[in-house]
mmCIF file of all heavy atoms, coordinates in Angstrom:
data_MODEL
# 
_entry.id   MODEL 
# 
loop_
_atom_site.group_PDB 
_atom_site.id 
_atom_site.type_symbol 
_atom_site.label_atom_id 
_atom_site.label_alt_id 
_atom_site.label_comp_id 
_atom_site.label_asym_id 
_atom_site.label_entity_id 
_atom_site.label_seq_id 
_atom_site.pdbx_PDB_ins_code 
_atom_site.Cartn_x 
_atom_site.Cartn_y 
_atom_site.Cartn_z 
_atom_site.occupancy 
_atom_site.B_iso_or_equiv 
_atom_site.pdbx_formal_charge 
_atom_site.auth_seq_id 
_atom_site.auth_comp_id 
_atom_site.auth_asym_id 
_atom_site.auth_atom_id 
_atom_site.pdbx_PDB_model_num 
ATOM 1   N N   . VAL A 1 1  ? 172.997 149.026 10.819 1.00 0.00 ? 1  VAL A N   1 
ATOM 2   C CA  . VAL A 1 1  ? 172.859 148.560 9.432  1.00 0.00 ? 1  VAL A CA  1 
ATOM 3   C C   . VAL A 1 1  ? 172.993 149.733 8.463  1.00 0.00 ? 1  VAL A C   1 
ATOM 4   O O   . VAL A 1 1  ? 173.648 149.618 7.418  1.00 0.00 ? 1  VAL A O   1 
ATOM 5   C CB  . VAL A 1 1  ? 171.517 147.828 9.230  1.00 0.00 ? 1  VAL A CB  1 
ATOM 6   C CG1 . VAL A 1 1  ? 171.313 147.492 7.751  1.00 0.00 ? 1  VAL A CG1 1 
ATOM 7   C CG2 . VAL A 1 1  ? 171.476 146.548 10.066 1.00 0.00 ? 1  VAL A CG2 1 
ATOM 8   N N   . ALA A 1 2  ? 172.401 150.863 8.805  1.00 0.00 ? 2  ALA A N   1 
ATOM 9   C CA  . ALA A 1 2  ? 172.519 152.050 7.948  1.00 0.00 ? 2  ALA A CA  1 
ATOM 10  C C   . ALA A 1 2  ? 173.978 152.460 7.799  1.00 0.00 ? 2  ALA A C   1 
ATOM 11  O O   . ALA A 1 2  ? 174.440 152.789 6.691  1.00 0.00 ? 2  ALA A O   1 
ATOM 12  C CB  . ALA A 1 2  ? 171.697 153.195 8.520  1.00 0.00 ? 2  ALA A CB  1 
ATOM 13  N N   . ALA A 1 3  ? 174.717 152.443 8.905  1.00 0.00 ? 3  ALA A N   1 
ATOM 14  C CA  . ALA A 1 3  ? 176.144 152.794 8.857  1.00 0.00 ? 3  ALA A CA  1 
ATOM 15  C C   . ALA A 1 3  ? 176.933 151.767 8.061  1.00 0.00 ? 3  ALA A C   1 
ATOM 16  O O   . ALA A 1 3  ? 177.843 152.122 7.303  1.00 0.00 ? 3  ALA A O   1 
ATOM 17  C CB  . ALA A 1 3  ? 176.690 152.898 10.278 1.00 0.00 ? 3  ALA A CB  1 
ATOM 18  N N   . ALA A 1 4  ? 176.575 150.497 8.224  1.00 0.00 ? 4  ALA A N   1 
ATOM 19  C CA  . ALA A 1 4  ? 177.276 149.429 7.509  1.00 0.00 ? 4  ALA A CA  1 
ATOM 20  C C   . ALA A 1 4  ? 177.073 149.532 6.000  1.00 0.00 ? 4  ALA A C   1 
ATOM 21  O O   . ALA A 1 4  ? 178.004 149.312 5.217  1.00 0.00 ? 4  ALA A O   1 
ATOM 22  C CB  . ALA A 1 4  ? 176.807 148.067 8.017  1.00 0.00 ? 4  ALA A CB  1 
ATOM 23  N N   . LYS A 1 5  ? 175.866 149.868 5.591  1.00 0.00 ? 5  LYS A N   1 
ATOM 24  C CA  . LYS A 1 5  ? 175.568 149.961 4.160  1.00 0.00 ? 5  LYS A CA  1 
ATOM 25  C C   . LYS A 1 5  ? 176.322 151.106 3.488  1.00 0.00 ? 5  LYS A C   1 
ATOM 26  O O   . LYS A 1 5  ? 176.576 151.074 2.284  1.00 0.00 ? 5  LYS A O   1 
ATOM 27  C CB  . LYS A 1 5  ? 174.064 150.095 3.953  1.00 0.00 ? 5  LYS A CB  1 
ATOM 28  C CG  . LYS A 1 5  ? 173.296 148.836 4.370  1.00 0.00 ? 5  LYS A CG  1 
ATOM 29  C CD  . LYS A 1 5  ? 171.802 149.010 4.267  1.00 0.00 ? 5  LYS A CD  1 
ATOM 30  C CE  . LYS A 1 5  ? 171.314 148.845 2.855  1.00 0.00 ? 5  LYS A CE  1 
ATOM 31  N NZ  . LYS A 1 5  ? 169.834 148.780 2.781  1.00 0.00 ? 5  LYS A NZ  1 
ATOM 32  N N   . LYS A 1 6  ? 176.706 152.103 4.276  1.00 0.00 ? 6  LYS A N   1 
ATOM 33  C CA  . LYS A 1 6  ? 177.449 153.236 3.719  1.00 0.00 ? 6  LYS A CA  1 
ATOM 34  C C   . LYS A 1 6  ? 178.893 152.868 3.385  1.00 0.00 ? 6  LYS A C   1 
ATOM 35  O O   . LYS A 1 6  ? 179.512 153.504 2.532  1.00 0.00 ? 6  LYS A O   1 
ATOM 36  C CB  . LYS A 1 6  ? 177.435 154.407 4.702  1.00 0.00 ? 6  LYS A CB  1 
ATOM 37  C CG  . LYS A 1 6  ? 176.083 155.094 4.835  1.00 0.00 ? 6  LYS A CG  1 
ATOM 38  C CD  . LYS A 1 6  ? 176.157 156.242 5.833  1.00 0.00 ? 6  LYS A CD  1 
ATOM 39  C CE  . LYS A 1 6  ? 174.807 156.944 5.975  1.00 0.00 ? 6  LYS A CE  1 
ATOM 40  N NZ  . LYS A 1 6  ? 174.876 158.049 6.969  1.00 0.00 ? 6  LYS A NZ  1 
ATOM 41  N N   . VAL A 1 7  ? 179.424 151.856 4.069  1.00 0.00 ? 7  VAL A N   1 
ATOM 42  C CA  . VAL A 1 7  ? 180.846 151.536 3.900  1.00 0.00 ? 7  VAL A CA  1 
ATOM 43  C C   . VAL A 1 7  ? 181.081 150.163 3.280  1.00 0.00 ? 7  VAL A C   1 
ATOM 44  O O   . VAL A 1 7  ? 182.221 149.704 3.189  1.00 0.00 ? 7  VAL A O   1 
ATOM 45  C CB  . VAL A 1 7  ? 181.587 151.619 5.254  1.00 0.00 ? 7  VAL A CB  1 
ATOM 46  C CG1 . VAL A 1 7  ? 181.563 153.036 5.789  1.00 0.00 ? 7  VAL A CG1 1 
ATOM 47  C CG2 . VAL A 1 7  ? 181.002 150.641 6.270  1.00 0.00 ? 7  VAL A CG2 1 
ATOM 48  N N   . SER A 1 8  ? 180.008 149.488 2.849  1.00 0.00 ? 8  SER A N   1 
ATOM 49  C CA  . SER A 1 8  ? 180.186 148.141 2.303  1.00 0.00 ? 8  SER A CA  1 
ATOM 50  C C   . SER A 1 8  ? 179.160 147.847 1.219  1.00 0.00 ? 8  SER A C   1 
ATOM 51  O O   . SER A 1 8  ? 178.164 148.554 1.068  1.00 0.00 ? 8  SER A O   1 
ATOM 52  C CB  . SER A 1 8  ? 180.069 147.092 3.420  1.00 0.00 ? 8  SER A CB  1 
ATOM 53  O OG  . SER A 1 8  ? 178.757 147.076 3.956  1.00 0.00 ? 8  SER A OG  1 
ATOM 54  N N   . ASP A 1 9  ? 179.425 146.781 0.486  1.00 0.00 ? 9  ASP A N   1 
ATOM 55  C CA  . ASP A 1 9  ? 178.518 146.325 -0.562 1.00 0.00 ? 9  ASP A CA  1 
ATOM 56  C C   . ASP A 1 9  ? 177.564 145.247 -0.056 1.00 0.00 ? 9  ASP A C   1 
ATOM 57  O O   . ASP A 1 9  ? 176.482 145.057 -0.598 1.00 0.00 ? 9  ASP A O   1 
ATOM 58  C CB  . ASP A 1 9  ? 179.328 145.761 -1.737 1.00 0.00 ? 9  ASP A CB  1 
ATOM 59  C CG  . ASP A 1 9  ? 180.364 146.737 -2.250 1.00 0.00 ? 9  ASP A CG  1 
ATOM 60  O OD1 . ASP A 1 9  ? 179.972 147.818 -2.707 1.00 0.00 ? 9  ASP A OD1 1 
ATOM 61  O OD2 . ASP A 1 9  ? 181.569 146.424 -2.178 1.00 0.00 ? 9  ASP A OD2 1 
ATOM 62  N N   . VAL A 1 10 ? 177.996 144.524 0.982  1.00 0.00 ? 10 VAL A N   1 
ATOM 63  C CA  . VAL A 1 10 ? 177.234 143.403 1.541  1.00 0.00 ? 10 VAL A CA  1 
ATOM 64  C C   . VAL A 1 10 ? 177.242 143.520 3.056  1.00 0.00 ? 10 VAL A C   1 
ATOM 65  O O   . VAL A 1 10 ? 178.271 143.844 3.656  1.00 0.00 ? 10 VAL A O   1 
ATOM 66  C CB  . VAL A 1 10 ? 177.857 142.048 1.127  1.00 0.00 ? 10 VAL A CB  1 
ATOM 67  C CG1 . VAL A 1 10 ? 177.146 140.884 1.812  1.00 0.00 ? 10 VAL A CG1 1 
ATOM 68  C CG2 . VAL A 1 10 ? 177.823 141.878 -0.386 1.00 0.00 ? 10 VAL A CG2 1 
ATOM 69  N N   . VAL A 1 11 ? 176.091 143.248 3.681  1.00 0.00 ? 11 VAL A N   1 
ATOM 70  C CA  . VAL A 1 11 ? 175.994 143.284 5.144  1.00 0.00 ? 11 VAL A CA  1 
ATOM 71  C C   . VAL A 1 11 ? 175.727 141.868 5.663  1.00 0.00 ? 11 VAL A C   1 
ATOM 72  O O   . VAL A 1 11 ? 174.743 141.233 5.284  1.00 0.00 ? 11 VAL A O   1 
ATOM 73  C CB  . VAL A 1 11 ? 174.881 144.233 5.625  1.00 0.00 ? 11 VAL A CB  1 
ATOM 74  C CG1 . VAL A 1 11 ? 174.829 144.246 7.153  1.00 0.00 ? 11 VAL A CG1 1 
ATOM 75  C CG2 . VAL A 1 11 ? 175.103 145.644 5.093  1.00 0.00 ? 11 VAL A CG2 1 
ATOM 76  N N   . ILE A 1 12 ? 176.626 141.395 6.539  1.00 0.00 ? 12 ILE A N   1 
ATOM 77  C CA  . ILE A 1 12 ? 176.497 140.085 7.175  1.00 0.00 ? 12 ILE A CA  1 
ATOM 78  C C   . ILE A 1 12 ? 176.242 140.299 8.659  1.00 0.00 ? 12 ILE A C   1 
ATOM 79  O O   . ILE A 1 12 ? 176.938 141.084 9.308  1.00 0.00 ? 12 ILE A O   1 
ATOM 80  C CB  . ILE A 1 12 ? 177.781 139.249 6.991  1.00 0.00 ? 12 ILE A CB  1 
ATOM 81  C CG1 . ILE A 1 12 ? 178.077 139.038 5.500  1.00 0.00 ? 12 ILE A CG1 1 
ATOM 82  C CG2 . ILE A 1 12 ? 177.665 137.908 7.715  1.00 0.00 ? 12 ILE A CG2 1 
ATOM 83  C CD1 . ILE A 1 12 ? 179.441 138.426 5.231  1.00 0.00 ? 12 ILE A CD1 1 
ATOM 84  N N   . VAL A 1 13 ? 175.254 139.603 9.200  1.00 0.00 ? 13 VAL A N   1 
ATOM 85  C CA  . VAL A 1 13 ? 174.922 139.727 10.624 1.00 0.00 ? 13 VAL A CA  1 
ATOM 86  C C   . VAL A 1 13 ? 175.034 138.370 11.300 1.00 0.00 ? 13 VAL A C   1 
ATOM 87  O O   . VAL A 1 13 ? 174.544 137.367 10.784 1.00 0.00 ? 13 VAL A O   1 
ATOM 88  C CB  . VAL A 1 13 ? 173.495 140.288 10.817 1.00 0.00 ? 13 VAL A CB  1 
ATOM 89  C CG1 . VAL A 1 13 ? 173.064 140.173 12.281 1.00 0.00 ? 13 VAL A CG1 1 
ATOM 90  C CG2 . VAL A 1 13 ? 173.413 141.738 10.369 1.00 0.00 ? 13 VAL A CG2 1 
ATOM 91  N N   . SER A 1 14 ? 175.678 138.368 12.457 1.00 0.00 ? 14 SER A N   1 
ATOM 92  C CA  . SER A 1 14 ? 175.669 137.190 13.326 1.00 0.00 ? 14 SER A CA  1 
ATOM 93  C C   . SER A 1 14 ? 174.608 137.401 14.392 1.00 0.00 ? 14 SER A C   1 
ATOM 94  O O   . SER A 1 14 ? 174.573 138.447 15.038 1.00 0.00 ? 14 SER A O   1 
ATOM 95  C CB  . SER A 1 14 ? 177.038 136.995 13.979 1.00 0.00 ? 14 SER A CB  1 
ATOM 96  O OG  . SER A 1 14 ? 176.967 135.986 14.973 1.00 0.00 ? 14 SER A OG  1 
ATOM 97  N N   . ALA A 1 15 ? 173.750 136.391 14.565 1.00 0.00 ? 15 ALA A N   1 
ATOM 98  C CA  . ALA A 1 15 ? 172.634 136.497 15.517 1.00 0.00 ? 15 ALA A CA  1 
ATOM 99  C C   . ALA A 1 15 ? 172.702 135.361 16.529 1.00 0.00 ? 15 ALA A C   1 
ATOM 100 O O   . ALA A 1 15 ? 172.516 134.196 16.179 1.00 0.00 ? 15 ALA A O   1 
ATOM 101 C CB  . ALA A 1 15 ? 171.304 136.460 14.769 1.00 0.00 ? 15 ALA A CB  1 
ATOM 102 N N   . HIS A 1 16 ? 172.966 135.713 17.788 1.00 0.00 ? 16 HIS A N   1 
ATOM 103 C CA  . HIS A 1 16 ? 172.987 134.726 18.863 1.00 0.00 ? 16 HIS A CA  1 
ATOM 104 C C   . HIS A 1 16 ? 171.615 134.767 19.522 1.00 0.00 ? 16 HIS A C   1 
ATOM 105 O O   . HIS A 1 16 ? 171.316 135.662 20.325 1.00 0.00 ? 16 HIS A O   1 
ATOM 106 C CB  . HIS A 1 16 ? 174.093 135.060 19.862 1.00 0.00 ? 16 HIS A CB  1 
ATOM 107 C CG  . HIS A 1 16 ? 174.602 133.862 20.605 1.00 0.00 ? 16 HIS A CG  1 
ATOM 108 N ND1 . HIS A 1 16 ? 175.467 132.943 20.040 1.00 0.00 ? 16 HIS A ND1 1 
ATOM 109 C CD2 . HIS A 1 16 ? 174.360 133.421 21.862 1.00 0.00 ? 16 HIS A CD2 1 
ATOM 110 C CE1 . HIS A 1 16 ? 175.749 132.000 20.911 1.00 0.00 ? 16 HIS A CE1 1 
ATOM 111 N NE2 . HIS A 1 16 ? 175.075 132.252 22.020 1.00 0.00 ? 16 HIS A NE2 1 
ATOM 112 N N   . TRP A 1 17 ? 170.768 133.778 19.205 1.00 0.00 ? 17 TRP A N   1 
ATOM 113 C CA  . TRP A 1 17 ? 169.352 133.864 19.536 1.00 0.00 ? 17 TRP A CA  1 
ATOM 114 C C   . TRP A 1 17 ? 168.736 132.476 19.631 1.00 0.00 ? 17 TRP A C   1 
ATOM 115 O O   . TRP A 1 17 ? 169.396 131.466 19.406 1.00 0.00 ? 17 TRP A O   1 
ATOM 116 C CB  . TRP A 1 17 ? 168.635 134.696 18.480 1.00 0.00 ? 17 TRP A CB  1 
ATOM 117 C CG  . TRP A 1 17 ? 168.787 134.183 17.041 1.00 0.00 ? 17 TRP A CG  1 
ATOM 118 C CD1 . TRP A 1 17 ? 169.429 133.038 16.615 1.00 0.00 ? 17 TRP A CD1 1 
ATOM 119 C CD2 . TRP A 1 17 ? 168.296 134.806 15.861 1.00 0.00 ? 17 TRP A CD2 1 
ATOM 120 N NE1 . TRP A 1 17 ? 169.359 132.910 15.243 1.00 0.00 ? 17 TRP A NE1 1 
ATOM 121 C CE2 . TRP A 1 17 ? 168.680 133.984 14.747 1.00 0.00 ? 17 TRP A CE2 1 
ATOM 122 C CE3 . TRP A 1 17 ? 167.586 135.966 15.597 1.00 0.00 ? 17 TRP A CE3 1 
ATOM 123 C CZ2 . TRP A 1 17 ? 168.366 134.292 13.421 1.00 0.00 ? 17 TRP A CZ2 1 
ATOM 124 C CZ3 . TRP A 1 17 ? 167.269 136.277 14.275 1.00 0.00 ? 17 TRP A CZ3 1 
ATOM 125 C CH2 . TRP A 1 17 ? 167.661 135.456 13.213 1.00 0.00 ? 17 TRP A CH2 1 
ATOM 126 N N   . GLY A 1 18 ? 167.462 132.418 19.971 1.00 0.00 ? 18 GLY A N   1 
ATOM 127 C CA  . GLY A 1 18 ? 166.727 131.153 19.982 1.00 0.00 ? 18 GLY A CA  1 
ATOM 128 C C   . GLY A 1 18 ? 166.750 130.451 21.332 1.00 0.00 ? 18 GLY A C   1 
ATOM 129 O O   . GLY A 1 18 ? 167.453 130.842 22.257 1.00 0.00 ? 18 GLY A O   1 
ATOM 130 N N   . ASP A 1 19 ? 165.958 129.376 21.421 1.00 0.00 ? 19 ASP A N   1 
ATOM 131 C CA  . ASP A 1 19 ? 165.883 128.565 22.637 1.00 0.00 ? 19 ASP A CA  1 
ATOM 132 C C   . ASP A 1 19 ? 166.812 127.368 22.520 1.00 0.00 ? 19 ASP A C   1 
ATOM 133 O O   . ASP A 1 19 ? 166.863 126.704 21.472 1.00 0.00 ? 19 ASP A O   1 
ATOM 134 C CB  . ASP A 1 19 ? 164.453 128.072 22.866 1.00 0.00 ? 19 ASP A CB  1 
ATOM 135 C CG  . ASP A 1 19 ? 163.511 129.191 23.283 1.00 0.00 ? 19 ASP A CG  1 
ATOM 136 O OD1 . ASP A 1 19 ? 164.011 130.266 23.681 1.00 0.00 ? 19 ASP A OD1 1 
ATOM 137 O OD2 . ASP A 1 19 ? 162.283 128.991 23.194 1.00 0.00 ? 19 ASP A OD2 1 
ATOM 138 N N   . GLU A 1 20 ? 167.519 127.073 23.589 1.00 0.00 ? 20 GLU A N   1 
ATOM 139 C CA  . GLU A 1 20 ? 168.449 125.949 23.578 1.00 0.00 ? 20 GLU A CA  1 
ATOM 140 C C   . GLU A 1 20 ? 167.711 124.624 23.380 1.00 0.00 ? 20 GLU A C   1 
ATOM 141 O O   . GLU A 1 20 ? 166.647 124.388 23.949 1.00 0.00 ? 20 GLU A O   1 
ATOM 142 C CB  . GLU A 1 20 ? 169.256 125.918 24.873 1.00 0.00 ? 20 GLU A CB  1 
ATOM 143 C CG  . GLU A 1 20 ? 170.206 127.096 25.006 1.00 0.00 ? 20 GLU A CG  1 
ATOM 144 C CD  . GLU A 1 20 ? 171.153 126.957 26.189 1.00 0.00 ? 20 GLU A CD  1 
ATOM 145 O OE1 . GLU A 1 20 ? 171.092 125.924 26.883 1.00 0.00 ? 20 GLU A OE1 1 
ATOM 146 O OE2 . GLU A 1 20 ? 171.955 127.878 26.411 1.00 0.00 ? 20 GLU A OE2 1 
ATOM 147 N N   . ASN A 1 21 ? 168.315 123.780 22.541 1.00 0.00 ? 21 ASN A N   1 
ATOM 148 C CA  . ASN A 1 21 ? 167.818 122.427 22.267 1.00 0.00 ? 21 ASN A CA  1 
ATOM 149 C C   . ASN A 1 21 ? 166.439 122.399 21.628 1.00 0.00 ? 21 ASN A C   1 
ATOM 150 O O   . ASN A 1 21 ? 165.720 121.401 21.720 1.00 0.00 ? 21 ASN A O   1 
ATOM 151 C CB  . ASN A 1 21 ? 167.825 121.584 23.546 1.00 0.00 ? 21 ASN A CB  1 
ATOM 152 C CG  . ASN A 1 21 ? 169.221 121.423 24.112 1.00 0.00 ? 21 ASN A CG  1 
ATOM 153 O OD1 . ASN A 1 21 ? 170.142 121.012 23.416 1.00 0.00 ? 21 ASN A OD1 1 
ATOM 154 N ND2 . ASN A 1 21 ? 169.389 121.774 25.380 1.00 0.00 ? 21 ASN A ND2 1 
ATOM 155 N N   . VAL A 1 22 ? 166.087 123.479 20.940 1.00 0.00 ? 22 VAL A N   1 
ATOM 156 C CA  . VAL A 1 22 ? 164.818 123.553 20.213 1.00 0.00 ? 22 VAL A CA  1 
ATOM 157 C C   . VAL A 1 22 ? 165.141 123.794 18.742 1.00 0.00 ? 22 VAL A C   1 
ATOM 158 O O   . VAL A 1 22 ? 165.826 124.753 18.395 1.00 0.00 ? 22 VAL A O   1 
ATOM 159 C CB  . VAL A 1 22 ? 163.919 124.680 20.760 1.00 0.00 ? 22 VAL A CB  1 
ATOM 160 C CG1 . VAL A 1 22 ? 162.648 124.799 19.923 1.00 0.00 ? 22 VAL A CG1 1 
ATOM 161 C CG2 . VAL A 1 22 ? 163.587 124.428 22.227 1.00 0.00 ? 22 VAL A CG2 1 
ATOM 162 N N   . SER A 1 23 ? 164.606 122.945 17.878 1.00 0.00 ? 23 SER A N   1 
ATOM 163 C CA  . SER A 1 23 ? 164.974 123.004 16.463 1.00 0.00 ? 23 SER A CA  1 
ATOM 164 C C   . SER A 1 23 ? 164.125 123.972 15.643 1.00 0.00 ? 23 SER A C   1 
ATOM 165 O O   . SER A 1 23 ? 164.414 124.203 14.468 1.00 0.00 ? 23 SER A O   1 
ATOM 166 C CB  . SER A 1 23 ? 164.892 121.603 15.834 1.00 0.00 ? 23 SER A CB  1 
ATOM 167 O OG  . SER A 1 23 ? 163.578 121.085 15.956 1.00 0.00 ? 23 SER A OG  1 
ATOM 168 N N   . ALA A 1 24 ? 163.092 124.546 16.240 1.00 0.00 ? 24 ALA A N   1 
ATOM 169 C CA  . ALA A 1 24 ? 162.230 125.494 15.528 1.00 0.00 ? 24 ALA A CA  1 
ATOM 170 C C   . ALA A 1 24 ? 162.553 126.921 15.976 1.00 0.00 ? 24 ALA A C   1 
ATOM 171 O O   . ALA A 1 24 ? 162.712 127.187 17.170 1.00 0.00 ? 24 ALA A O   1 
ATOM 172 C CB  . ALA A 1 24 ? 160.762 125.191 15.794 1.00 0.00 ? 24 ALA A CB  1 
ATOM 173 N N   . PRO A 1 25 ? 162.625 127.859 15.034 1.00 0.00 ? 25 PRO A N   1 
ATOM 174 C CA  . PRO A 1 25 ? 162.866 129.258 15.403 1.00 0.00 ? 25 PRO A CA  1 
ATOM 175 C C   . PRO A 1 25 ? 161.743 129.809 16.269 1.00 0.00 ? 25 PRO A C   1 
ATOM 176 O O   . PRO A 1 25 ? 160.570 129.477 16.078 1.00 0.00 ? 25 PRO A O   1 
ATOM 177 C CB  . PRO A 1 25 ? 162.923 129.974 14.049 1.00 0.00 ? 25 PRO A CB  1 
ATOM 178 C CG  . PRO A 1 25 ? 163.214 128.912 13.046 1.00 0.00 ? 25 PRO A CG  1 
ATOM 179 C CD  . PRO A 1 25 ? 162.562 127.672 13.572 1.00 0.00 ? 25 PRO A CD  1 
ATOM 180 N N   . THR A 1 26 ? 162.103 130.667 17.207 1.00 0.00 ? 26 THR A N   1 
ATOM 181 C CA  . THR A 1 26 ? 161.123 131.300 18.080 1.00 0.00 ? 26 THR A CA  1 
ATOM 182 C C   . THR A 1 26 ? 160.529 132.538 17.399 1.00 0.00 ? 26 THR A C   1 
ATOM 183 O O   . THR A 1 26 ? 161.025 133.005 16.373 1.00 0.00 ? 26 THR A O   1 
ATOM 184 C CB  . THR A 1 26 ? 161.777 131.737 19.397 1.00 0.00 ? 26 THR A CB  1 
ATOM 185 O OG1 . THR A 1 26 ? 162.777 132.736 19.098 1.00 0.00 ? 26 THR A OG1 1 
ATOM 186 C CG2 . THR A 1 26 ? 162.434 130.556 20.098 1.00 0.00 ? 26 THR A CG2 1 
ATOM 187 N N   . ASP A 1 27 ? 159.488 133.083 18.016 1.00 0.00 ? 27 ASP A N   1 
ATOM 188 C CA  . ASP A 1 27 ? 158.907 134.329 17.505 1.00 0.00 ? 27 ASP A CA  1 
ATOM 189 C C   . ASP A 1 27 ? 159.939 135.458 17.548 1.00 0.00 ? 27 ASP A C   1 
ATOM 190 O O   . ASP A 1 27 ? 159.951 136.324 16.665 1.00 0.00 ? 27 ASP A O   1 
ATOM 191 C CB  . ASP A 1 27 ? 157.680 134.717 18.326 1.00 0.00 ? 27 ASP A CB  1 
ATOM 192 C CG  . ASP A 1 27 ? 156.500 133.779 18.089 1.00 0.00 ? 27 ASP A CG  1 
ATOM 193 O OD1 . ASP A 1 27 ? 156.505 133.078 17.049 1.00 0.00 ? 27 ASP A OD1 1 
ATOM 194 O OD2 . ASP A 1 27 ? 155.584 133.753 18.936 1.00 0.00 ? 27 ASP A OD2 1 
# 
């Protein structure tokens, strides 16, 4: 993120996470 902020105005992150077939975010 630190490197990204040096070369861009906006930082977008893709996050592949969570439990399958569960509609509530995990800890």
